[in-house]
């Protein structure tokens, strides 16, 4: 029952070119809900993946609009967390959550 609440604070891992380059520095990026904060994220990630979290940086991406086929389309914003792990530790994102 408790595991359900742990996974509520992580929406998905972000697999982009920039995030894969960050993995060389023991950093991993996750998309998290707008209500997430650093303390609960740290506790949840340490319990789920059994790693030691050193630092968490949170970035808020704002809503924006872009042109698609000549029409304005609203792109919703999201919150991104970049987690720094202890040296020598890693999270394998290919296994799934």
N, C-alpha and C. Protein backbone atom coordinates (compact mmCIF):
# COMPACT_ATOMS: atom_id res chain seq x y z
N UNK A 1 0.82 -1.20 0.00
CA UNK A 1 0.00 0.00 0.00
C UNK A 1 0.86 1.26 0.00
N UNK A 2 1.98 1.23 0.74
CA UNK A 2 2.84 2.39 0.82
C UNK A 2 3.56 2.66 -0.50
N UNK A 3 3.87 1.63 -1.28
CA UNK A 3 4.57 1.79 -2.55
C UNK A 3 3.79 2.67 -3.52
N UNK A 4 2.47 2.62 -3.48
CA UNK A 4 1.64 3.43 -4.37
C UNK A 4 1.92 4.91 -4.13
N UNK A 5 2.05 5.30 -2.88
CA UNK A 5 2.30 6.69 -2.55
C UNK A 5 3.71 7.12 -2.95
N UNK A 6 4.67 6.20 -2.93
CA UNK A 6 6.03 6.54 -3.32
C UNK A 6 6.10 6.89 -4.80
N UNK A 7 5.39 6.14 -5.63
CA UNK A 7 5.43 6.37 -7.07
C UNK A 7 4.60 7.56 -7.51
N UNK A 8 3.79 8.14 -6.63
CA UNK A 8 2.98 9.29 -6.99
C UNK A 8 3.83 10.53 -7.26
N UNK A 9 5.02 10.61 -6.72
CA UNK A 9 5.87 11.79 -6.88
C UNK A 9 6.79 11.72 -8.08
N UNK A 10 6.75 10.63 -8.86
CA UNK A 10 7.56 10.52 -10.07
C UNK A 10 6.63 10.19 -11.23
N UNK A 11 6.55 11.07 -12.22
CA UNK A 11 5.70 10.81 -13.38
C UNK A 11 6.43 9.92 -14.38
N UNK A 12 7.63 10.34 -14.79
CA UNK A 12 8.39 9.54 -15.75
C UNK A 12 9.84 10.02 -15.76
N UNK A 13 10.77 9.14 -16.14
CA UNK A 13 12.15 9.60 -16.35
C UNK A 13 12.23 10.35 -17.67
N UNK A 14 13.11 11.33 -17.72
CA UNK A 14 13.29 12.09 -18.95
C UNK A 14 14.51 11.54 -19.68
N UNK A 15 14.26 10.97 -20.85
CA UNK A 15 15.33 10.39 -21.65
C UNK A 15 15.53 11.28 -22.87
N UNK A 16 16.45 12.21 -22.74
CA UNK A 16 16.81 13.10 -23.83
C UNK A 16 18.32 13.08 -23.99
N UNK A 17 18.82 13.74 -24.99
CA UNK A 17 20.26 13.78 -25.21
C UNK A 17 20.96 14.48 -24.04
N UNK A 18 20.36 15.55 -23.56
CA UNK A 18 20.95 16.28 -22.45
C UNK A 18 20.96 15.45 -21.17
N UNK A 19 19.87 14.73 -20.91
CA UNK A 19 19.80 13.94 -19.69
C UNK A 19 20.74 12.73 -19.73
N UNK A 20 20.98 12.17 -20.91
CA UNK A 20 21.94 11.07 -20.99
C UNK A 20 23.36 11.57 -20.80
N UNK A 21 23.65 12.80 -21.22
CA UNK A 21 24.96 13.39 -20.94
C UNK A 21 25.14 13.66 -19.45
N UNK A 22 24.05 13.99 -18.75
CA UNK A 22 24.12 14.22 -17.32
C UNK A 22 24.40 12.94 -16.54
N UNK A 23 24.05 11.79 -17.11
CA UNK A 23 24.26 10.53 -16.41
C UNK A 23 25.74 10.24 -16.19
N UNK A 24 26.62 10.84 -16.97
CA UNK A 24 28.06 10.69 -16.74
C UNK A 24 28.49 11.37 -15.45
N UNK A 25 27.71 12.34 -14.99
CA UNK A 25 28.00 13.07 -13.75
C UNK A 25 27.16 12.57 -12.58
N UNK A 26 26.63 11.35 -12.68
CA UNK A 26 25.76 10.74 -11.66
C UNK A 26 24.49 11.56 -11.43
N UNK A 27 23.91 12.12 -12.50
CA UNK A 27 22.68 12.89 -12.41
C UNK A 27 21.61 12.23 -13.27
N UNK A 28 20.36 12.26 -12.78
CA UNK A 28 19.24 11.68 -13.50
C UNK A 28 18.09 12.68 -13.46
N UNK A 29 17.37 12.82 -14.58
CA UNK A 29 16.26 13.76 -14.67
C UNK A 29 14.93 13.01 -14.67
N UNK A 30 13.97 13.51 -13.88
CA UNK A 30 12.63 12.95 -13.82
C UNK A 30 11.61 14.06 -14.02
N UNK A 31 10.49 13.73 -14.65
CA UNK A 31 9.35 14.63 -14.71
C UNK A 31 8.52 14.35 -13.47
N UNK A 32 8.21 15.39 -12.70
CA UNK A 32 7.51 15.23 -11.43
C UNK A 32 6.26 16.11 -11.42
N UNK A 33 5.28 15.83 -10.55
CA UNK A 33 4.09 16.67 -10.49
C UNK A 33 4.40 18.06 -9.95
N UNK A 34 3.53 19.00 -10.24
CA UNK A 34 3.74 20.39 -9.81
C UNK A 34 3.74 20.53 -8.29
N UNK A 35 3.16 19.58 -7.58
CA UNK A 35 3.09 19.66 -6.12
C UNK A 35 4.31 19.05 -5.43
N UNK A 36 5.24 18.50 -6.18
CA UNK A 36 6.40 17.82 -5.59
C UNK A 36 7.38 18.83 -4.99
N UNK A 37 8.04 18.42 -3.90
CA UNK A 37 9.09 19.24 -3.32
C UNK A 37 10.33 18.39 -3.07
N UNK A 38 11.44 19.03 -2.71
CA UNK A 38 12.72 18.35 -2.63
C UNK A 38 12.77 17.28 -1.54
N UNK A 39 12.20 17.57 -0.38
CA UNK A 39 12.31 16.63 0.73
C UNK A 39 11.55 15.33 0.46
N UNK A 40 10.33 15.42 -0.06
CA UNK A 40 9.58 14.20 -0.35
C UNK A 40 10.17 13.44 -1.52
N UNK A 41 10.69 14.17 -2.52
CA UNK A 41 11.35 13.51 -3.65
C UNK A 41 12.57 12.72 -3.20
N UNK A 42 13.36 13.31 -2.32
CA UNK A 42 14.56 12.64 -1.83
C UNK A 42 14.21 11.34 -1.10
N UNK A 43 13.22 11.41 -0.22
CA UNK A 43 12.81 10.22 0.54
C UNK A 43 12.27 9.14 -0.40
N UNK A 44 11.43 9.52 -1.35
CA UNK A 44 10.82 8.55 -2.25
C UNK A 44 11.85 7.88 -3.16
N UNK A 45 12.77 8.65 -3.72
CA UNK A 45 13.76 8.08 -4.63
C UNK A 45 14.72 7.16 -3.88
N UNK A 46 15.09 7.54 -2.66
CA UNK A 46 15.97 6.68 -1.88
C UNK A 46 15.28 5.37 -1.52
N UNK A 47 13.96 5.39 -1.25
CA UNK A 47 13.25 4.16 -0.91
C UNK A 47 13.00 3.29 -2.14
N UNK A 48 12.64 3.90 -3.26
CA UNK A 48 12.29 3.14 -4.46
C UNK A 48 13.53 2.49 -5.07
N UNK A 49 14.57 3.29 -5.31
CA UNK A 49 15.73 2.80 -6.05
C UNK A 49 16.89 2.35 -5.17
N UNK A 50 16.79 2.58 -3.84
CA UNK A 50 17.83 2.19 -2.88
C UNK A 50 19.19 2.79 -3.24
N UNK A 51 19.21 4.11 -3.41
CA UNK A 51 20.43 4.86 -3.69
C UNK A 51 20.52 6.02 -2.70
N UNK A 52 21.67 6.66 -2.64
CA UNK A 52 21.85 7.84 -1.78
C UNK A 52 21.79 9.10 -2.64
N UNK A 53 20.86 9.98 -2.32
CA UNK A 53 20.69 11.23 -3.06
C UNK A 53 21.48 12.32 -2.35
N UNK A 54 22.34 13.00 -3.11
CA UNK A 54 23.14 14.08 -2.54
C UNK A 54 22.42 15.42 -2.69
N UNK A 55 21.86 15.67 -3.88
CA UNK A 55 21.31 16.99 -4.17
C UNK A 55 20.16 16.86 -5.17
N UNK A 56 19.18 17.75 -5.06
CA UNK A 56 18.06 17.79 -6.01
C UNK A 56 17.88 19.22 -6.50
N UNK A 57 17.85 19.39 -7.81
CA UNK A 57 17.53 20.68 -8.42
C UNK A 57 16.18 20.54 -9.11
N UNK A 58 15.30 21.52 -8.89
CA UNK A 58 13.97 21.49 -9.49
C UNK A 58 13.82 22.67 -10.44
N UNK A 59 13.31 22.37 -11.64
CA UNK A 59 13.12 23.37 -12.69
C UNK A 59 11.64 23.39 -13.07
N UNK A 60 11.03 24.57 -13.09
CA UNK A 60 9.64 24.73 -13.51
C UNK A 60 9.61 25.21 -14.95
N UNK A 61 9.04 24.42 -15.83
CA UNK A 61 8.85 24.83 -17.22
C UNK A 61 7.46 25.45 -17.32
N UNK A 62 7.37 26.67 -17.77
CA UNK A 62 6.11 27.39 -17.82
C UNK A 62 5.27 26.99 -19.05
N UNK A 63 3.97 27.27 -18.98
CA UNK A 63 3.10 27.07 -20.14
C UNK A 63 3.57 27.99 -21.26
N UNK A 64 3.43 27.52 -22.49
CA UNK A 64 3.80 28.35 -23.63
C UNK A 64 2.88 28.00 -24.79
N UNK A 65 2.90 28.85 -25.80
CA UNK A 65 2.10 28.57 -26.99
C UNK A 65 3.04 28.49 -28.19
N UNK A 66 2.66 27.65 -29.15
CA UNK A 66 3.47 27.52 -30.35
C UNK A 66 2.54 27.38 -31.54
N UNK A 67 3.08 27.61 -32.73
CA UNK A 67 2.30 27.50 -33.95
C UNK A 67 2.41 26.09 -34.51
N UNK A 68 1.27 25.46 -34.75
CA UNK A 68 1.23 24.14 -35.36
C UNK A 68 0.21 24.20 -36.49
N UNK A 69 0.68 24.00 -37.71
CA UNK A 69 -0.16 24.07 -38.91
C UNK A 69 -0.94 25.38 -38.99
N UNK A 70 -0.29 26.45 -38.61
CA UNK A 70 -0.90 27.77 -38.72
C UNK A 70 -1.83 28.13 -37.57
N UNK A 71 -1.97 27.27 -36.57
CA UNK A 71 -2.85 27.56 -35.44
C UNK A 71 -2.01 27.64 -34.17
N UNK A 72 -2.45 28.51 -33.25
CA UNK A 72 -1.79 28.60 -31.96
C UNK A 72 -2.24 27.45 -31.08
N UNK A 73 -1.28 26.74 -30.53
CA UNK A 73 -1.57 25.60 -29.67
C UNK A 73 -0.89 25.83 -28.33
N UNK A 74 -1.60 25.55 -27.25
CA UNK A 74 -1.05 25.72 -25.91
C UNK A 74 -0.30 24.45 -25.51
N UNK A 75 0.96 24.61 -25.09
CA UNK A 75 1.77 23.51 -24.60
C UNK A 75 1.85 23.66 -23.08
N UNK A 76 1.39 22.65 -22.36
CA UNK A 76 1.36 22.76 -20.90
C UNK A 76 2.76 22.64 -20.31
N UNK A 77 2.96 23.30 -19.20
CA UNK A 77 4.24 23.27 -18.52
C UNK A 77 4.34 22.06 -17.60
N UNK A 78 5.51 21.85 -17.07
CA UNK A 78 5.73 20.73 -16.15
C UNK A 78 6.89 21.07 -15.23
N UNK A 79 7.13 20.21 -14.25
CA UNK A 79 8.21 20.39 -13.31
C UNK A 79 9.22 19.27 -13.54
N UNK A 80 10.50 19.64 -13.58
CA UNK A 80 11.57 18.67 -13.83
C UNK A 80 12.50 18.67 -12.63
N UNK A 81 12.89 17.47 -12.18
CA UNK A 81 13.82 17.33 -11.07
C UNK A 81 15.09 16.64 -11.57
N UNK A 82 16.23 17.28 -11.29
CA UNK A 82 17.52 16.68 -11.62
C UNK A 82 18.14 16.22 -10.31
N UNK A 83 18.36 14.90 -10.21
CA UNK A 83 18.81 14.29 -8.97
C UNK A 83 20.27 13.90 -9.10
N UNK A 84 21.09 14.34 -8.14
CA UNK A 84 22.49 13.97 -8.11
C UNK A 84 22.67 12.83 -7.12
N UNK A 85 23.27 11.74 -7.58
CA UNK A 85 23.47 10.56 -6.76
C UNK A 85 24.90 10.52 -6.22
N UNK A 86 25.08 9.70 -5.18
CA UNK A 86 26.41 9.51 -4.61
C UNK A 86 27.31 8.87 -5.66
N UNK A 87 28.59 9.21 -5.62
CA UNK A 87 29.54 8.72 -6.63
C UNK A 87 29.58 7.19 -6.62
N UNK A 88 29.51 6.61 -7.80
CA UNK A 88 29.54 5.16 -7.93
C UNK A 88 28.17 4.51 -8.00
N UNK A 89 27.10 5.25 -7.70
CA UNK A 89 25.75 4.72 -7.74
C UNK A 89 25.06 5.16 -9.02
N UNK A 90 24.09 4.38 -9.48
CA UNK A 90 23.34 4.74 -10.67
C UNK A 90 21.96 4.11 -10.62
N UNK A 91 21.06 4.62 -11.44
CA UNK A 91 19.71 4.08 -11.58
C UNK A 91 19.58 3.61 -13.02
N UNK A 92 19.19 2.35 -13.21
CA UNK A 92 19.00 1.80 -14.55
C UNK A 92 17.58 2.11 -15.00
N UNK A 93 17.42 3.05 -15.92
CA UNK A 93 16.10 3.47 -16.38
C UNK A 93 15.48 2.49 -17.36
N UNK A 94 16.26 1.58 -17.90
CA UNK A 94 15.72 0.64 -18.88
C UNK A 94 14.89 -0.46 -18.24
N UNK A 95 15.04 -0.68 -16.93
CA UNK A 95 14.28 -1.74 -16.26
C UNK A 95 12.85 -1.33 -16.00
N UNK A 96 12.57 -0.04 -15.96
CA UNK A 96 11.20 0.43 -15.70
C UNK A 96 10.98 0.63 -14.21
N UNK A 97 9.91 1.36 -13.93
CA UNK A 97 9.59 1.67 -12.53
C UNK A 97 8.49 0.72 -12.08
